[in-house]
Every structure is written in structure tokens, then in C-alpha cells.
Amino acid sequence: MTDDRQERIRRRAHEIWEQAGRPEGAHMEHWDQATAEIDGSAKPKAKAAPKKAAARVAKPKAATPAKAAKPAKPKAKG
């Protein structure tokens, strides 16, 4: 890897990291994205999603049994 190419990748990876909100533990994803962009093998992404966001995917809720309707109370005569 040439020094110039590596420096461009490093700068781009840093930009991606900042745009993503400076998440911890995503350095390899940012480096790989920057490498792909510099090498022209991928379109630039507007913003990399933080890793924690993927964990926030809603889980399907367990089916609950339908509640039986309560019988109507008889009206008082008066």
C-alpha cells in the first residue's frame, strides 16, 4: 500500500467515523468503507450507522390471548 493511498484512506476513515457520531469499536468498518471508496469499488455512503443502532431493531411481541368481553350489567329499574 503506498503511503499516499494509505493516508487518503486514513483521512476518509476518520471523516466517516466523525459523521457516524464517533462510535467506539467501528474502526474496521470505517477503514473498509474508506478503502472501498478510495479504490473506487463502492459508492460513498452518506453516513455510517452506529453499531448500537442495529441492536435497537424491534423484536416481535409474543402473541397474547384475546381477552373475553365482560357481560353487560343489567340496567336497574327504578
PDB file of N, CA and C in Angstrom:
ATOM      1  N   MET A   1       0.862  -1.172   0.000  1.00  0.00           N
ATOM      2  CA  MET A   1       0.000   0.000   0.000  1.00  0.00           C
ATOM      3  C   MET A   1       0.908   1.234   0.000  1.00  0.00           C
ATOM      4  N   THR A   2       0.668   2.127  -0.929  1.00  0.00           N
ATOM      5  CA  THR A   2       1.509   3.317  -0.988  1.00  0.00           C
ATOM      6  C   THR A   2       1.159   4.247   0.165  1.00  0.00           C
ATOM      7  N   ASP A   3       2.124   5.056   0.547  1.00  0.00           N
ATOM      8  CA  ASP A   3       1.907   5.975   1.665  1.00  0.00           C
ATOM      9  C   ASP A   3       0.786   6.960   1.367  1.00  0.00           C
ATOM     10  N   ASP A   4       0.720   7.459   0.115  1.00  0.00           N
ATOM     11  CA  ASP A   4      -0.316   8.416  -0.256  1.00  0.00           C
ATOM     12  C   ASP A   4      -1.706   7.771  -0.176  1.00  0.00           C
ATOM     13  N   ARG A   5      -1.830   6.568  -0.684  1.00  0.00           N
ATOM     14  CA  ARG A   5      -3.120   5.867  -0.649  1.00  0.00           C
ATOM     15  C   ARG A   5      -3.534   5.593   0.794  1.00  0.00           C
ATOM     16  N   GLN A   6      -2.607   5.124   1.598  1.00  0.00           N
ATOM     17  CA  GLN A   6      -2.905   4.828   2.993  1.00  0.00           C
ATOM     18  C   GLN A   6      -3.331   6.099   3.734  1.00  0.00           C
ATOM     19  N   GLU A   7      -2.686   7.198   3.460  1.00  0.00           N
ATOM     20  CA  GLU A   7      -3.045   8.468   4.100  1.00  0.00           C
ATOM     21  C   GLU A   7      -4.438   8.924   3.681  1.00  0.00           C
ATOM     22  N   ARG A   8      -4.780   8.762   2.400  1.00  0.00           N
ATOM     23  CA  ARG A   8      -6.134   9.128   1.942  1.00  0.00           C
ATOM     24  C   ARG A   8      -7.183   8.246   2.603  1.00  0.00           C
ATOM     25  N   ILE A   9      -6.885   6.956   2.732  1.00  0.00           N
ATOM     26  CA  ILE A   9      -7.812   6.038   3.396  1.00  0.00           C
ATOM     27  C   ILE A   9      -7.969   6.438   4.859  1.00  0.00           C
ATOM     28  N   ARG A  10      -6.850   6.749   5.518  1.00  0.00           N
ATOM     29  CA  ARG A  10      -6.900   7.140   6.925  1.00  0.00           C
ATOM     30  C   ARG A  10      -7.757   8.386   7.123  1.00  0.00           C
ATOM     31  N   ARG A  11      -7.551   9.380   6.265  1.00  0.00           N
ATOM     32  CA  ARG A  11      -8.348  10.616   6.373  1.00  0.00           C
ATOM     33  C   ARG A  11      -9.835  10.350   6.129  1.00  0.00           C
ATOM     34  N   ARG A  12     -10.133   9.550   5.114  1.00  0.00           N
ATOM     35  CA  ARG A  12     -11.540   9.251   4.805  1.00  0.00           C
ATOM     36  C   ARG A  12     -12.186   8.437   5.925  1.00  0.00           C
ATOM     37  N   ALA A  13     -11.457   7.472   6.472  1.00  0.00           N
ATOM     38  CA  ALA A  13     -11.988   6.672   7.580  1.00  0.00           C
ATOM     39  C   ALA A  13     -12.289   7.567   8.782  1.00  0.00           C
ATOM     40  N   HIS A  14     -11.433   8.546   9.013  1.00  0.00           N
ATOM     41  CA  HIS A  14     -11.659   9.486  10.113  1.00  0.00           C
ATOM     42  C   HIS A  14     -12.924  10.320   9.853  1.00  0.00           C
ATOM     43  N   GLU A  15     -13.113  10.764   8.622  1.00  0.00           N
ATOM     44  CA  GLU A  15     -14.327  11.517   8.274  1.00  0.00           C
ATOM     45  C   GLU A  15     -15.582  10.666   8.493  1.00  0.00           C
ATOM     46  N   ILE A  16     -15.526   9.427   8.060  1.00  0.00           N
ATOM     47  CA  ILE A  16     -16.668   8.511   8.208  1.00  0.00           C
ATOM     48  C   ILE A  16     -16.976   8.321   9.691  1.00  0.00           C
ATOM     49  N   TRP A  17     -15.942   8.143  10.488  1.00  0.00           N
ATOM     50  CA  TRP A  17     -16.090   7.958  11.937  1.00  0.00           C
ATOM     51  C   TRP A  17     -16.756   9.182  12.570  1.00  0.00           C
ATOM     52  N   GLU A  18     -16.315  10.372  12.178  1.00  0.00           N
ATOM     53  CA  GLU A  18     -16.913  11.593  12.716  1.00  0.00           C
ATOM     54  C   GLU A  18     -18.367  11.731  12.282  1.00  0.00           C
ATOM     55  N   GLN A  19     -18.669  11.445  11.023  1.00  0.00           N
ATOM     56  CA  GLN A  19     -20.036  11.545  10.523  1.00  0.00           C
ATOM     57  C   GLN A  19     -20.958  10.547  11.210  1.00  0.00           C
ATOM     58  N   ALA A  20     -20.409   9.441  11.657  1.00  0.00           N
ATOM     59  CA  ALA A  20     -21.204   8.410  12.328  1.00  0.00           C
ATOM     60  C   ALA A  20     -21.401   8.713  13.808  1.00  0.00           C
ATOM     61  N   GLY A  21     -20.865   9.835  14.280  1.00  0.00           N
ATOM     62  CA  GLY A  21     -21.034  10.199  15.676  1.00  0.00           C
ATOM     63  C   GLY A  21     -19.928   9.666  16.581  1.00  0.00           C
ATOM     64  N   ARG A  22     -18.793   9.342  15.994  1.00  0.00           N
ATOM     65  CA  ARG A  22     -17.616   8.861  16.707  1.00  0.00           C
ATOM     66  C   ARG A  22     -17.892   7.622  17.570  1.00  0.00           C
ATOM     67  N   PRO A  23     -18.507   6.592  16.992  1.00  0.00           N
ATOM     68  CA  PRO A  23     -18.795   5.387  17.781  1.00  0.00           C
ATOM     69  C   PRO A  23     -17.530   4.602  18.093  1.00  0.00           C
ATOM     70  N   GLU A  24     -17.549   3.922  19.220  1.00  0.00           N
ATOM     71  CA  GLU A  24     -16.424   3.068  19.597  1.00  0.00           C
ATOM     72  C   GLU A  24     -16.576   1.708  18.927  1.00  0.00           C
ATOM     73  N   GLY A  25     -15.470   1.113  18.553  1.00  0.00           N
ATOM     74  CA  GLY A  25     -15.468  -0.250  18.043  1.00  0.00           C
ATOM     75  C   GLY A  25     -15.877  -0.424  16.591  1.00  0.00           C
ATOM     76  N   ALA A  26     -15.975   0.652  15.825  1.00  0.00           N
ATOM     77  CA  ALA A  26     -16.386   0.530  14.429  1.00  0.00           C
ATOM     78  C   ALA A  26     -15.245   0.884  13.474  1.00  0.00           C
ATOM     79  N   HIS A  27     -14.032   0.900  13.986  1.00  0.00           N
ATOM     80  CA  HIS A  27     -12.908   1.366  13.168  1.00  0.00           C
ATOM     81  C   HIS A  27     -12.665   0.509  11.932  1.00  0.00           C
ATOM     82  N   MET A  28     -12.858  -0.798  12.023  1.00  0.00           N
ATOM     83  CA  MET A  28     -12.616  -1.649  10.856  1.00  0.00           C
ATOM     84  C   MET A  28     -13.664  -1.416   9.767  1.00  0.00           C
ATOM     85  N   GLU A  29     -14.923  -1.219  10.168  1.00  0.00           N
ATOM     86  CA  GLU A  29     -15.969  -0.932   9.178  1.00  0.00           C
ATOM     87  C   GLU A  29     -15.660   0.381   8.467  1.00  0.00           C
ATOM     88  N   HIS A  30     -15.212   1.381   9.234  1.00  0.00           N
ATOM     89  CA  HIS A  30     -14.887   2.681   8.639  1.00  0.00           C
ATOM     90  C   HIS A  30     -13.667   2.568   7.723  1.00  0.00           C
ATOM     91  N   TRP A  31     -12.678   1.806   8.147  1.00  0.00           N
ATOM     92  CA  TRP A  31     -11.471   1.620   7.324  1.00  0.00           C
ATOM     93  C   TRP A  31     -11.834   0.901   6.024  1.00  0.00           C
ATOM     94  N   ASP A  32     -12.649  -0.154   6.146  1.00  0.00           N
ATOM     95  CA  ASP A  32     -13.043  -0.911   4.947  1.00  0.00           C
ATOM     96  C   ASP A  32     -13.867  -0.057   3.991  1.00  0.00           C
ATOM     97  N   GLN A  33     -14.778   0.759   4.548  1.00  0.00           N
ATOM     98  CA  GLN A  33     -15.580   1.636   3.704  1.00  0.00           C
ATOM     99  C   GLN A  33     -14.693   2.660   3.009  1.00  0.00           C
ATOM    100  N   ALA A  34     -13.770   3.242   3.746  1.00  0.00           N
ATOM    101  CA  ALA A  34     -12.856   4.231   3.168  1.00  0.00           C
ATOM    102  C   ALA A  34     -11.988   3.593   2.083  1.00  0.00           C
ATOM    103  N   THR A  35     -11.508   2.394   2.338  1.00  0.00           N
ATOM    104  CA  THR A  35     -10.687   1.693   1.345  1.00  0.00           C
ATOM    105  C   THR A  35     -11.482   1.460   0.066  1.00  0.00           C
ATOM    106  N   ALA A  36     -12.733   1.017   0.228  1.00  0.00           N
ATOM    107  CA  ALA A  36     -13.573   0.769  -0.941  1.00  0.00           C
ATOM    108  C   ALA A  36     -13.827   2.064  -1.713  1.00  0.00           C
ATOM    109  N   GLU A  37     -14.062   3.142  -0.992  1.00  0.00           N
ATOM    110  CA  GLU A  37     -14.298   4.432  -1.662  1.00  0.00           C
ATOM    111  C   GLU A  37     -13.052   4.913  -2.396  1.00  0.00           C
ATOM    112  N   ILE A  38     -11.911   4.829  -1.739  1.00  0.00           N
ATOM    113  CA  ILE A  38     -10.655   5.299  -2.356  1.00  0.00           C
ATOM    114  C   ILE A  38     -10.311   4.447  -3.575  1.00  0.00           C
ATOM    115  N   ASP A  39     -10.536   3.141  -3.475  1.00  0.00           N
ATOM    116  CA  ASP A  39     -10.234   2.245  -4.588  1.00  0.00           C
ATOM    117  C   ASP A  39     -11.308   2.283  -5.669  1.00  0.00           C
ATOM    118  N   GLY A  40     -12.436   2.938  -5.384  1.00  0.00           N
ATOM    119  CA  GLY A  40     -13.493   3.071  -6.373  1.00  0.00           C
ATOM    120  C   GLY A  40     -14.364   1.844  -6.521  1.00  0.00           C
ATOM    121  N   SER A  41     -14.326   0.944  -5.542  1.00  0.00           N
ATOM    122  CA  SER A  41     -15.125  -0.273  -5.661  1.00  0.00           C
ATOM    123  C   SER A  41     -16.479  -0.164  -4.979  1.00  0.00           C
ATOM    124  N   ALA A  42     -16.795   0.978  -4.400  1.00  0.00           N
ATOM    125  CA  ALA A  42     -18.100   1.164  -3.758  1.00  0.00           C
ATOM    126  C   ALA A  42     -18.467   2.634  -3.820  1.00  0.00           C
ATOM    127  N   LYS A  43     -19.765   2.879  -3.851  1.00  0.00           N
ATOM    128  CA  LYS A  43     -20.234   4.256  -3.812  1.00  0.00           C
ATOM    129  C   LYS A  43     -20.072   4.779  -2.396  1.00  0.00           C
ATOM    130  N   PRO A  44     -19.752   6.055  -2.233  1.00  0.00           N
ATOM    131  CA  PRO A  44     -19.630   6.609  -0.885  1.00  0.00           C
ATOM    132  C   PRO A  44     -20.964   6.569  -0.162  1.00  0.00           C
ATOM    133  N   LYS A  45     -20.900   6.237   1.113  1.00  0.00           N
ATOM    134  CA  LYS A  45     -22.110   6.232   1.923  1.00  0.00           C
ATOM    135  C   LYS A  45     -22.237   7.588   2.588  1.00  0.00           C
ATOM    136  N   ALA A  46     -23.474   8.075   2.695  1.00  0.00           N
ATOM    137  CA  ALA A  46     -23.694   9.383   3.305  1.00  0.00           C
ATOM    138  C   ALA A  46     -23.321   9.358   4.782  1.00  0.00           C
ATOM    139  N   LYS A  47     -23.720   8.295   5.468  1.00  0.00           N
ATOM    140  CA  LYS A  47     -23.451   8.227   6.895  1.00  0.00           C
ATOM    141  C   LYS A  47     -23.450   6.766   7.316  1.00  0.00           C
ATOM    142  N   ALA A  48     -22.414   6.379   8.002  1.00  0.00           N
ATOM    143  CA  ALA A  48     -22.361   5.014   8.510  1.00  0.00           C
ATOM    144  C   ALA A  48     -23.198   4.920   9.775  1.00  0.00           C
ATOM    145  N   ALA A  49     -23.994   3.900   9.869  1.00  0.00           N
ATOM    146  CA  ALA A  49     -24.845   3.724  11.045  1.00  0.00           C
ATOM    147  C   ALA A  49     -24.019   3.189  12.199  1.00  0.00           C
ATOM    148  N   PRO A  50     -24.227   3.738  13.368  1.00  0.00           N
ATOM    149  CA  PRO A  50     -23.534   3.203  14.534  1.00  0.00           C
ATOM    150  C   PRO A  50     -23.922   1.756  14.777  1.00  0.00           C
ATOM    151  N   LYS A  51     -22.998   0.987  15.308  1.00  0.00           N
ATOM    152  CA  LYS A  51     -23.244  -0.423  15.540  1.00  0.00           C
ATOM    153  C   LYS A  51     -24.393  -0.636  16.512  1.00  0.00           C
ATOM    154  N   LYS A  52     -24.521   0.233  17.508  1.00  0.00           N
ATOM    155  CA  LYS A  52     -25.568   0.087  18.514  1.00  0.00           C
ATOM    156  C   LYS A  52     -26.951   0.242  17.906  1.00  0.00           C
ATOM    157  N   ALA A  53     -27.074   0.980  16.829  1.00  0.00           N
ATOM    158  CA  ALA A  53     -28.388   1.189  16.214  1.00  0.00           C
ATOM    159  C   ALA A  53     -28.971  -0.120  15.709  1.00  0.00           C
ATOM    160  N   ALA A  54     -28.128  -1.018  15.251  1.00  0.00           N
ATOM    161  CA  ALA A  54     -28.623  -2.298  14.758  1.00  0.00           C
ATOM    162  C   ALA A  54     -29.238  -3.128  15.881  1.00  0.00           C
ATOM    163  N   ALA A  55     -28.773  -2.923  17.100  1.00  0.00           N
ATOM    164  CA  ALA A  55     -29.301  -3.684  18.228  1.00  0.00           C
ATOM    165  C   ALA A  55     -30.686  -3.187  18.636  1.00  0.00           C
ATOM    166  N   ARG A  56     -31.084  -2.031  18.140  1.00  0.00           N
ATOM    167  CA  ARG A  56     -32.373  -1.452  18.517  1.00  0.00           C
ATOM    168  C   ARG A  56     -33.524  -1.927  17.649  1.00  0.00           C
ATOM    169  N   VAL A  57     -33.297  -2.913  16.831  1.00  0.00           N
ATOM    170  CA  VAL A  57     -34.357  -3.418  15.959  1.00  0.00           C
ATOM    171  C   VAL A  57     -35.452  -4.012  16.831  1.00  0.00           C
ATOM    172  N   ALA A  58     -36.686  -3.646  16.538  1.00  0.00           N
ATOM    173  CA  ALA A  58     -37.806  -4.121  17.343  1.00  0.00           C
ATOM    174  C   ALA A  58     -37.978  -5.622  17.204  1.00  0.00           C
ATOM    175  N   LYS A  59     -38.144  -6.259  18.334  1.00  0.00           N
ATOM    176  CA  LYS A  59     -38.375  -7.698  18.332  1.00  0.00           C
ATOM    177  C   LYS A  59     -39.876  -7.925  18.271  1.00  0.00           C
ATOM    178  N   PRO A  60     -40.308  -8.957  17.565  1.00  0.00           N
ATOM    179  CA  PRO A  60     -41.749  -9.218  17.515  1.00  0.00           C
ATOM    180  C   PRO A  60     -42.254  -9.590  18.899  1.00  0.00           C
ATOM    181  N   LYS A  61     -43.421  -9.068  19.218  1.00  0.00           N
ATOM    182  CA  LYS A  61     -44.011  -9.354  20.516  1.00  0.00           C
ATOM    183  C   LYS A  61     -44.686 -10.713  20.481  1.00  0.00           C
ATOM    184  N   ALA A  62     -44.696 -11.367  21.629  1.00  0.00           N
ATOM    185  CA  ALA A  62     -45.351 -12.658  21.728  1.00  0.00           C
ATOM    186  C   ALA A  62     -46.857 -12.449  21.639  1.00  0.00           C
ATOM    187  N   ALA A  63     -47.516 -13.375  20.991  1.00  0.00           N
ATOM    188  CA  ALA A  63     -48.966 -13.258  20.848  1.00  0.00           C
ATOM    189  C   ALA A  63     -49.613 -13.427  22.212  1.00  0.00           C
ATOM    190  N   THR A  64     -50.565 -12.570  22.515  1.00  0.00           N
ATOM    191  CA  THR A  64     -51.278 -12.667  23.779  1.00  0.00           C
ATOM    192  C   THR A  64     -52.683 -13.166  23.494  1.00  0.00           C
ATOM    193  N   PRO A  65     -53.223 -13.991  24.370  1.00  0.00           N
ATOM    194  CA  PRO A  65     -54.575 -14.485  24.132  1.00  0.00           C
ATOM    195  C   PRO A  65     -55.577 -13.334  24.192  1.00  0.00           C
ATOM    196  N   ALA A  66     -56.598 -13.436  23.368  1.00  0.00           N
ATOM    197  CA  ALA A  66     -57.624 -12.394  23.340  1.00  0.00           C
ATOM    198  C   ALA A  66     -58.393 -12.410  24.651  1.00  0.00           C
ATOM    199  N   LYS A  67     -58.718 -11.241  25.146  1.00  0.00           N
ATOM    200  CA  LYS A  67     -59.481 -11.136  26.387  1.00  0.00           C
ATOM    201  C   LYS A  67     -60.955 -11.330  26.084  1.00  0.00           C
ATOM    202  N   ALA A  68     -61.612 -12.080  26.942  1.00  0.00           N
ATOM    203  CA  ALA A  68     -63.047 -12.305  26.775  1.00  0.00           C
ATOM    204  C   ALA A  68     -63.784 -11.036  27.190  1.00  0.00           C
ATOM    205  N   ALA A  69     -64.804 -10.690  26.425  1.00  0.00           N
ATOM    206  CA  ALA A  69     -65.589  -9.495  26.741  1.00  0.00           C
ATOM    207  C   ALA A  69     -66.417  -9.758  27.995  1.00  0.00           C
ATOM    208  N   LYS A  70     -66.490  -8.749  28.858  1.00  0.00           N
ATOM    209  CA  LYS A  70     -67.296  -8.879  30.074  1.00  0.00           C
ATOM    210  C   LYS A  70     -68.765  -8.736  29.696  1.00  0.00           C
ATOM    211  N   PRO A  71     -69.632  -9.548  30.329  1.00  0.00           N
ATOM    212  CA  PRO A  71     -71.060  -9.408  30.027  1.00  0.00           C
ATOM    213  C   PRO A  71     -71.575  -8.054  30.534  1.00  0.00           C
ATOM    214  N   ALA A  72     -72.525  -7.505  29.791  1.00  0.00           N
ATOM    215  CA  ALA A  72     -73.094  -6.214  30.168  1.00  0.00           C
ATOM    216  C   ALA A  72     -73.902  -6.365  31.451  1.00  0.00           C
ATOM    217  N   LYS A  73     -73.819  -5.333  32.307  1.00  0.00           N
ATOM    218  CA  LYS A  73     -74.601  -5.360  33.557  1.00  0.00           C
ATOM    219  C   LYS A  73     -76.041  -4.993  33.229  1.00  0.00           C
ATOM    220  N   PRO A  74     -77.009  -5.685  33.876  1.00  0.00           N
ATOM    221  CA  PRO A  74     -78.401  -5.337  33.641  1.00  0.00           C
ATOM    222  C   PRO A  74     -78.719  -3.951  34.223  1.00  0.00           C
ATOM    223  N   LYS A  75     -79.558  -3.189  33.513  1.00  0.00           N
ATOM    224  CA  LYS A  75     -79.924  -1.855  33.984  1.00  0.00           C
ATOM    225  C   LYS A  75     -80.863  -1.982  35.177  1.00  0.00           C
ATOM    226  N   ALA A  76     -80.664  -1.127  36.141  1.00  0.00           N
ATOM    227  CA  ALA A  76     -81.511  -1.138  37.329  1.00  0.00           C
ATOM    228  C   ALA A  76     -82.831  -0.453  37.018  1.00  0.00           C
ATOM    229  N   LYS A  77     -83.934  -1.064  37.461  1.00  0.00           N
ATOM    230  CA  LYS A  77     -85.248  -0.468  37.240  1.00  0.00           C
ATOM    231  C   LYS A  77     -85.560   0.415  38.438  1.00  0.00           C
ATOM    232  N   GLY A  78     -86.116   1.507  38.177  1.00  0.00           N
ATOM    233  CA  GLY A  78     -86.329   2.305  39.338  1.00  0.00           C
ATOM    234  C   GLY A  78     -87.303   3.312  39.295  1.00  0.00           C
TER     235      GLY A  78
END
